[in-house]
Amino acid sequence: MEKRKLGQTDLELSVISFGASSLGHAFRPVKMEAGLEAVRAALDVGITHIDTSAFYGLGISEVLLGVVLRDVPRDQYTISTKLGRYGDDRFDFSPERVAESVDTSLFRLGVDFVDMVFLHDVEWTDYRENIDRALPALKREQEKGKVRYVGLAGYPFGPVRYAMERYGIEVTLNHNHYMLQNRRLVTKFLPELKAAGVGVLNASPFGQRLLTHVELPSWHGANEEVRKVCRQAVEHCHNSGVDPAKLCVQFSTRHPDMSTCIIGSGNPENIRKWAAWLEQPYETELIAEVEQILAPVLDVEAAYGLPENLDPT
């Protein structure tokens, strides 16, 4: 699988990364063996970056990754995790918890260092206060060699911009902002990120199920108009005999400045399909038709984070 350099780091990431939220039952319960096999399938098809969080399954995702990666040489994969969010409404960005969380993640994963650690979903809090508390503490763990690169993972751009300007972060992970329905990561923010040398990890090409036939989770942030139009786009794909997920994967991995696209599944067969779709011709005509359907809701923002922390539209 193709690899791309991540910003100004020395990391090269596979253009698809394995999102291990599925191991923490983020969307549905996943049987343990199926989840472990999904990670093995990802490695088999050349997916060499894995992303997880202390939040996913209250640590279960990290534990299961530690099990399945136990016999995989450390130089055959890169891994990122997140800290600060530990439950739906449980946040702790204190310096003490940052240090504890890094050590706990290392223990669960069975590694001596992680390639990236992100502050997780700080937009659900007073992000300025918590970035000021957590990032210096995380950089101290970086100085100890436990973490290679630090950044933010979330939805709105404001917290990332604040962290860039004050702390010179090296990487960021952003979800739902470079997919068929929303390209704002490229059109509104990418020039700033490139100028600052910040490496970009894109996530959620399906819009957290928005562009699939599967029911949306209760916490999904899209409004009703976006949901309706996206259902029309999905139906058009089905009528054309093409899985809409194929279009999403092909589109969201295509931009050369997106080092990787993080996609999660507890189904090994899904992962094998993603890799196969990268080798198949780009669905130019059908993607153009879907873009026409989605035009009325293009770049319409979802509601992820406190209202005062959301980006202006």
Protein backbone atom coordinates (compact mmCIF):
# COMPACT_ATOMS: atom_id res chain seq x y z
CA MET A 1 0.00 0.00 0.00
CA GLU A 2 1.20 3.51 -0.81
CA LYS A 3 2.77 5.50 2.03
CA ARG A 4 2.95 9.26 2.45
CA LYS A 5 5.19 11.43 4.58
CA LEU A 6 3.47 13.02 7.57
CA GLY A 7 4.19 16.75 7.63
CA GLN A 8 7.72 17.49 8.79
CA THR A 9 7.98 14.35 10.91
CA ASP A 10 10.06 11.34 9.92
CA LEU A 11 6.94 9.15 9.78
CA GLU A 12 5.53 7.64 6.62
CA LEU A 13 1.96 6.40 7.00
CA SER A 14 -0.01 3.98 4.87
CA VAL A 15 -2.71 5.92 3.01
CA ILE A 16 -5.32 3.94 4.97
CA SER A 17 -4.89 3.63 8.71
CA PHE A 18 -6.76 1.20 10.95
CA GLY A 19 -9.10 3.03 13.33
CA ALA A 20 -9.34 0.94 16.47
CA SER A 21 -12.45 2.63 17.89
CA SER A 22 -14.23 -0.46 16.58
CA LEU A 23 -12.38 -2.57 19.15
CA GLY A 24 -13.96 -0.39 21.83
CA HIS A 25 -17.50 -0.96 20.51
CA ALA A 26 -17.83 2.63 19.25
CA PHE A 27 -20.63 1.82 16.82
CA ARG A 28 -21.67 -1.73 17.69
CA PRO A 29 -20.50 -4.64 19.84
CA VAL A 30 -17.59 -6.48 18.21
CA LYS A 31 -16.64 -10.01 19.18
CA MET A 32 -13.09 -10.11 20.47
CA GLU A 33 -11.73 -12.60 17.93
CA ALA A 34 -13.30 -10.70 15.02
CA GLY A 35 -11.69 -7.50 16.27
CA LEU A 36 -8.29 -9.14 16.59
CA GLU A 37 -8.64 -10.65 13.12
CA ALA A 38 -9.51 -7.20 11.76
CA VAL A 39 -6.16 -5.88 12.98
CA ARG A 40 -4.36 -8.85 11.44
CA ALA A 41 -6.20 -8.28 8.16
CA ALA A 42 -5.14 -4.63 8.19
CA LEU A 43 -1.48 -5.56 8.61
CA ASP A 44 -1.79 -8.23 5.90
CA VAL A 45 -3.03 -5.72 3.28
CA GLY A 46 -0.32 -3.19 4.07
CA ILE A 47 -2.09 -0.92 6.57
CA THR A 48 0.77 -0.07 8.89
CA HIS A 49 -0.64 2.77 11.00
CA ILE A 50 -3.07 2.10 13.83
CA ASP A 51 -5.00 4.76 15.74
CA THR A 52 -6.64 4.24 19.12
CA SER A 53 -7.57 6.12 22.30
CA ALA A 54 -7.92 5.62 26.04
CA PHE A 55 -11.57 6.60 25.45
CA TYR A 56 -12.42 3.68 23.15
CA GLY A 57 -14.10 1.06 25.27
CA LEU A 58 -12.63 2.67 28.40
CA GLY A 59 -9.23 1.28 27.44
CA ILE A 60 -10.38 -2.02 25.91
CA SER A 61 -9.22 -0.95 22.45
CA GLU A 62 -5.67 -0.39 23.69
CA VAL A 63 -5.69 -3.69 25.60
CA LEU A 64 -6.79 -5.70 22.57
CA LEU A 65 -4.23 -3.99 20.36
CA GLY A 66 -1.58 -4.95 22.91
CA VAL A 67 -2.66 -8.56 22.56
CA VAL A 68 -2.70 -8.72 18.77
CA LEU A 69 0.50 -6.69 18.29
CA ARG A 70 2.47 -8.66 20.85
CA ASP A 71 4.25 -10.76 18.22
CA VAL A 72 4.49 -8.06 15.54
CA PRO A 73 7.93 -6.42 15.28
CA ARG A 74 7.70 -2.81 16.46
CA ASP A 75 9.28 -1.46 13.29
CA GLN A 76 6.48 -2.92 11.15
CA TYR A 77 3.80 -0.50 12.36
CA THR A 78 3.24 2.96 13.79
CA ILE A 79 0.63 3.71 16.41
CA SER A 80 -1.15 6.74 17.81
CA THR A 81 -3.36 7.12 20.84
CA LYS A 82 -5.24 9.90 22.59
CA LEU A 83 -5.78 11.16 26.11
CA GLY A 84 -7.97 13.59 28.03
CA ARG A 85 -11.32 12.01 27.24
CA TYR A 86 -12.17 8.92 29.28
CA GLY A 87 -15.94 8.61 28.90
CA ASP A 88 -18.90 10.28 27.23
CA ASP A 89 -18.82 13.10 29.79
CA ARG A 90 -15.51 12.43 31.52
CA PHE A 91 -12.62 14.73 30.66
CA ASP A 92 -9.38 15.26 32.52
CA PHE A 93 -6.57 17.29 30.95
CA SER A 94 -4.66 17.85 34.19
CA PRO A 95 -0.86 17.47 33.99
CA GLU A 96 -0.99 14.58 36.46
CA ARG A 97 -3.52 12.67 34.39
CA VAL A 98 -1.57 13.34 31.18
CA ALA A 99 1.51 11.62 32.61
CA GLU A 100 -0.56 8.78 34.05
CA SER A 101 -2.46 8.30 30.80
CA VAL A 102 0.71 8.04 28.72
CA ASP A 103 2.12 5.37 31.03
CA THR A 104 -1.18 3.48 31.10
CA SER A 105 -1.40 3.47 27.30
CA LEU A 106 2.17 2.21 26.99
CA PHE A 107 1.38 -0.62 29.40
CA ARG A 108 -1.85 -1.60 27.64
CA LEU A 109 -0.28 -1.48 24.20
CA GLY A 110 2.84 -3.32 25.32
CA VAL A 111 5.22 -0.79 23.76
CA ASP A 112 8.05 1.43 24.98
CA PHE A 113 6.85 4.48 23.04
CA VAL A 114 3.94 5.63 20.91
CA ASP A 115 4.49 7.46 17.66
CA MET A 116 1.81 10.10 18.31
CA VAL A 117 -0.37 11.17 21.21
CA PHE A 118 -3.29 13.55 20.69
CA LEU A 119 -5.38 15.54 23.12
CA HIS A 120 -8.80 14.02 22.51
CA ASP A 121 -11.97 16.06 21.85
CA VAL A 122 -10.83 19.10 23.80
CA GLU A 123 -13.58 21.06 21.99
CA TRP A 124 -16.09 19.62 24.48
CA THR A 125 -14.39 21.65 27.22
CA ASP A 126 -12.85 25.07 27.78
CA TYR A 127 -10.22 24.21 25.21
CA ARG A 128 -7.85 27.12 25.83
CA GLU A 129 -7.56 26.34 29.52
CA ASN A 130 -7.13 22.62 28.93
CA ILE A 131 -4.65 22.94 26.08
CA ASP A 132 -2.60 25.23 28.32
CA ARG A 133 -2.69 22.58 31.05
CA ALA A 134 -2.19 19.45 28.99
CA LEU A 135 0.17 20.23 26.12
CA PRO A 136 3.16 21.29 28.24
CA ALA A 137 2.71 18.11 30.28
CA LEU A 138 2.49 16.01 27.13
CA LYS A 139 5.63 17.65 25.76
CA ARG A 140 7.45 16.62 28.94
CA GLU A 141 6.51 13.00 28.20
CA GLN A 142 7.80 13.57 24.68
CA GLU A 143 11.13 14.77 26.08
CA LYS A 144 11.36 11.49 28.04
CA GLY A 145 11.09 9.50 24.79
CA LYS A 146 7.69 8.01 25.56
CA VAL A 147 5.96 9.95 22.77
CA ARG A 148 7.46 10.91 19.41
CA TYR A 149 4.99 13.58 18.20
CA VAL A 150 2.12 15.46 19.86
CA GLY A 151 -1.02 17.15 18.62
CA LEU A 152 -4.81 17.45 18.81
CA ALA A 153 -7.56 15.13 17.60
CA GLY A 154 -11.09 16.45 17.15
CA TYR A 155 -13.55 18.23 14.90
CA PRO A 156 -13.41 22.07 14.87
CA PHE A 157 -10.34 23.93 13.67
CA GLY A 158 -10.24 26.57 16.43
CA PRO A 159 -8.53 24.44 19.09
CA VAL A 160 -5.94 23.20 16.59
CA ARG A 161 -5.19 26.75 15.48
CA TYR A 162 -4.77 27.82 19.12
CA ALA A 163 -2.39 24.90 19.83
CA MET A 164 -0.40 25.59 16.65
CA GLU A 165 0.12 29.23 17.49
CA ARG A 166 1.02 28.74 21.16
CA TYR A 167 2.77 25.37 21.29
CA GLY A 168 3.94 24.45 17.80
CA ILE A 169 2.25 21.07 17.62
CA GLU A 170 3.55 18.66 14.99
CA VAL A 171 0.46 16.65 14.01
CA THR A 172 -3.32 16.82 14.01
CA LEU A 173 -6.11 14.32 13.48
CA ASN A 174 -9.38 15.71 12.17
CA HIS A 175 -12.60 13.80 11.55
CA ASN A 176 -15.53 14.37 9.17
CA HIS A 177 -13.84 17.26 7.35
CA TYR A 178 -12.46 15.60 4.24
CA MET A 179 -15.14 13.39 2.77
CA LEU A 180 -17.65 13.66 -0.03
CA GLN A 181 -20.05 15.85 1.96
CA ASN A 182 -17.50 18.09 3.71
CA ARG A 183 -14.11 19.17 2.33
CA ARG A 184 -13.41 22.08 4.69
CA LEU A 185 -10.18 20.53 5.98
CA VAL A 186 -8.69 21.13 2.53
CA THR A 187 -10.54 24.27 1.44
CA LYS A 188 -10.47 26.20 4.74
CA PHE A 189 -7.58 24.97 6.90
CA LEU A 190 -4.96 23.01 4.98
CA PRO A 191 -2.91 26.07 3.86
CA GLU A 192 -2.40 27.08 7.50
CA LEU A 193 -1.44 23.56 8.51
CA LYS A 194 1.07 23.22 5.69
CA ALA A 195 2.61 26.61 6.42
CA ALA A 196 3.10 25.54 10.06
CA GLY A 197 4.52 22.16 9.03
CA VAL A 198 1.74 20.27 10.81
CA GLY A 199 1.14 16.73 9.55
CA VAL A 200 -2.53 15.89 8.87
CA LEU A 201 -4.34 12.64 9.57
CA ASN A 202 -7.82 12.56 8.04
CA ALA A 203 -10.52 10.40 9.65
CA SER A 204 -14.09 9.25 9.05
CA PRO A 205 -14.48 9.05 5.25
CA PHE A 206 -18.01 7.68 5.74
CA GLY A 207 -18.97 10.63 7.94
CA GLN A 208 -19.42 8.26 10.90
CA ARG A 209 -21.99 6.24 8.91
CA LEU A 210 -23.57 9.31 7.28
CA LEU A 211 -22.70 8.01 3.80
CA THR A 212 -23.63 4.38 4.45
CA HIS A 213 -26.89 2.49 4.63
CA VAL A 214 -26.36 1.76 8.36
CA GLU A 215 -28.37 3.61 11.01
CA LEU A 216 -26.59 6.60 12.53
CA PRO A 217 -25.51 6.49 16.18
CA SER A 218 -27.56 8.56 18.62
CA TRP A 219 -24.70 11.01 19.15
CA HIS A 220 -24.25 11.90 15.48
CA GLY A 221 -23.93 15.65 14.89
CA ALA A 222 -25.40 16.03 11.38
CA ASN A 223 -28.65 17.97 11.02
CA GLU A 224 -31.77 16.50 9.41
CA GLU A 225 -31.25 18.16 6.03
CA VAL A 226 -27.73 16.73 5.74
CA ARG A 227 -28.99 13.31 6.76
CA LYS A 228 -31.76 13.40 4.15
CA VAL A 229 -29.53 14.43 1.27
CA CYS A 230 -26.85 11.91 2.23
CA ARG A 231 -29.48 9.15 2.23
CA GLN A 232 -30.36 10.19 -1.32
CA ALA A 233 -26.70 9.91 -2.33
CA VAL A 234 -26.40 6.47 -0.75
CA GLU A 235 -29.55 5.30 -2.51
CA HIS A 236 -28.19 6.53 -5.85
CA CYS A 237 -25.05 4.44 -5.33
CA HIS A 238 -27.09 1.35 -4.54
CA ASN A 239 -29.23 1.90 -7.64
CA SER A 240 -26.01 2.15 -9.64
CA GLY A 241 -24.78 -1.17 -8.27
CA VAL A 242 -21.82 0.31 -6.37
CA ASP A 243 -21.17 0.25 -2.65
CA PRO A 244 -21.13 3.92 -1.50
CA ALA A 245 -18.30 3.03 0.85
CA LYS A 246 -16.10 2.46 -2.20
CA LEU A 247 -16.59 6.06 -3.34
CA CYS A 248 -15.87 7.35 0.15
CA VAL A 249 -12.62 5.40 0.46
CA GLN A 250 -11.40 6.35 -3.00
CA PHE A 251 -12.23 10.04 -2.53
CA SER A 252 -10.87 10.48 1.00
CA THR A 253 -7.52 8.80 0.28
CA ARG A 254 -6.86 10.68 -2.96
CA HIS A 255 -5.58 14.08 -1.79
CA PRO A 256 -1.75 14.04 -1.63
CA ASP A 257 -1.65 16.32 1.43
CA MET A 258 -3.76 13.94 3.48
CA SER A 259 -1.03 11.62 4.77
CA THR A 260 -3.55 8.96 5.70
CA CYS A 261 -7.26 8.31 6.11
CA ILE A 262 -8.28 6.56 9.32
CA ILE A 263 -11.08 4.04 8.85
CA GLY A 264 -12.44 1.68 11.47
CA SER A 265 -14.18 -1.67 11.30
CA GLY A 266 -14.40 -4.84 13.33
CA ASN A 267 -15.07 -6.82 10.15
CA PRO A 268 -11.90 -8.20 8.47
CA GLU A 269 -13.66 -8.48 5.11
CA ASN A 270 -14.38 -4.74 5.10
CA ILE A 271 -10.68 -4.03 5.51
CA ARG A 272 -9.74 -6.27 2.62
CA LYS A 273 -12.29 -4.44 0.45
CA TRP A 274 -10.83 -1.04 1.32
CA ALA A 275 -7.40 -2.13 0.14
CA ALA A 276 -8.84 -3.66 -3.04
CA TRP A 277 -10.75 -0.45 -3.86
CA LEU A 278 -7.52 1.52 -3.88
CA GLU A 279 -6.26 -0.71 -6.70
CA GLN A 280 -9.42 -0.35 -8.79
CA PRO A 281 -10.19 2.51 -11.22
CA TYR A 282 -11.39 5.70 -9.59
CA GLU A 283 -15.20 5.99 -9.80
CA THR A 284 -15.00 9.36 -11.55
CA GLU A 285 -18.44 9.41 -13.14
CA LEU A 286 -20.40 8.11 -10.17
CA ILE A 287 -18.51 10.35 -7.73
CA ALA A 288 -19.45 13.34 -9.90
CA GLU A 289 -23.11 12.27 -9.77
CA VAL A 290 -22.96 11.91 -5.99
CA GLU A 291 -21.32 15.32 -5.70
CA GLN A 292 -24.28 16.84 -7.58
CA ILE A 293 -26.71 15.24 -5.15
CA LEU A 294 -24.69 16.44 -2.16
CA ALA A 295 -24.23 19.98 -3.50
CA PRO A 296 -27.07 21.52 -1.39
CA VAL A 297 -25.36 20.39 1.83
CA LEU A 298 -21.71 20.60 0.77
CA ASP A 299 -19.52 21.69 3.70
CA VAL A 300 -22.48 22.05 6.07
CA GLU A 301 -20.96 21.60 9.51
CA ALA A 302 -22.03 19.09 12.13
CA ALA A 303 -22.40 19.83 15.84
CA TYR A 304 -19.40 18.26 17.59
CA GLY A 305 -18.20 20.23 20.58
CA LEU A 306 -19.55 22.99 22.79
CA PRO A 307 -21.49 25.54 20.71
CA GLU A 308 -19.02 28.32 21.53
CA ASN A 309 -16.14 26.16 20.24
CA LEU A 310 -17.57 25.40 16.80
CA ASP A 311 -16.08 27.08 13.74
CA PRO A 312 -18.02 29.83 11.97
CA THR A 313 -19.67 28.53 8.79
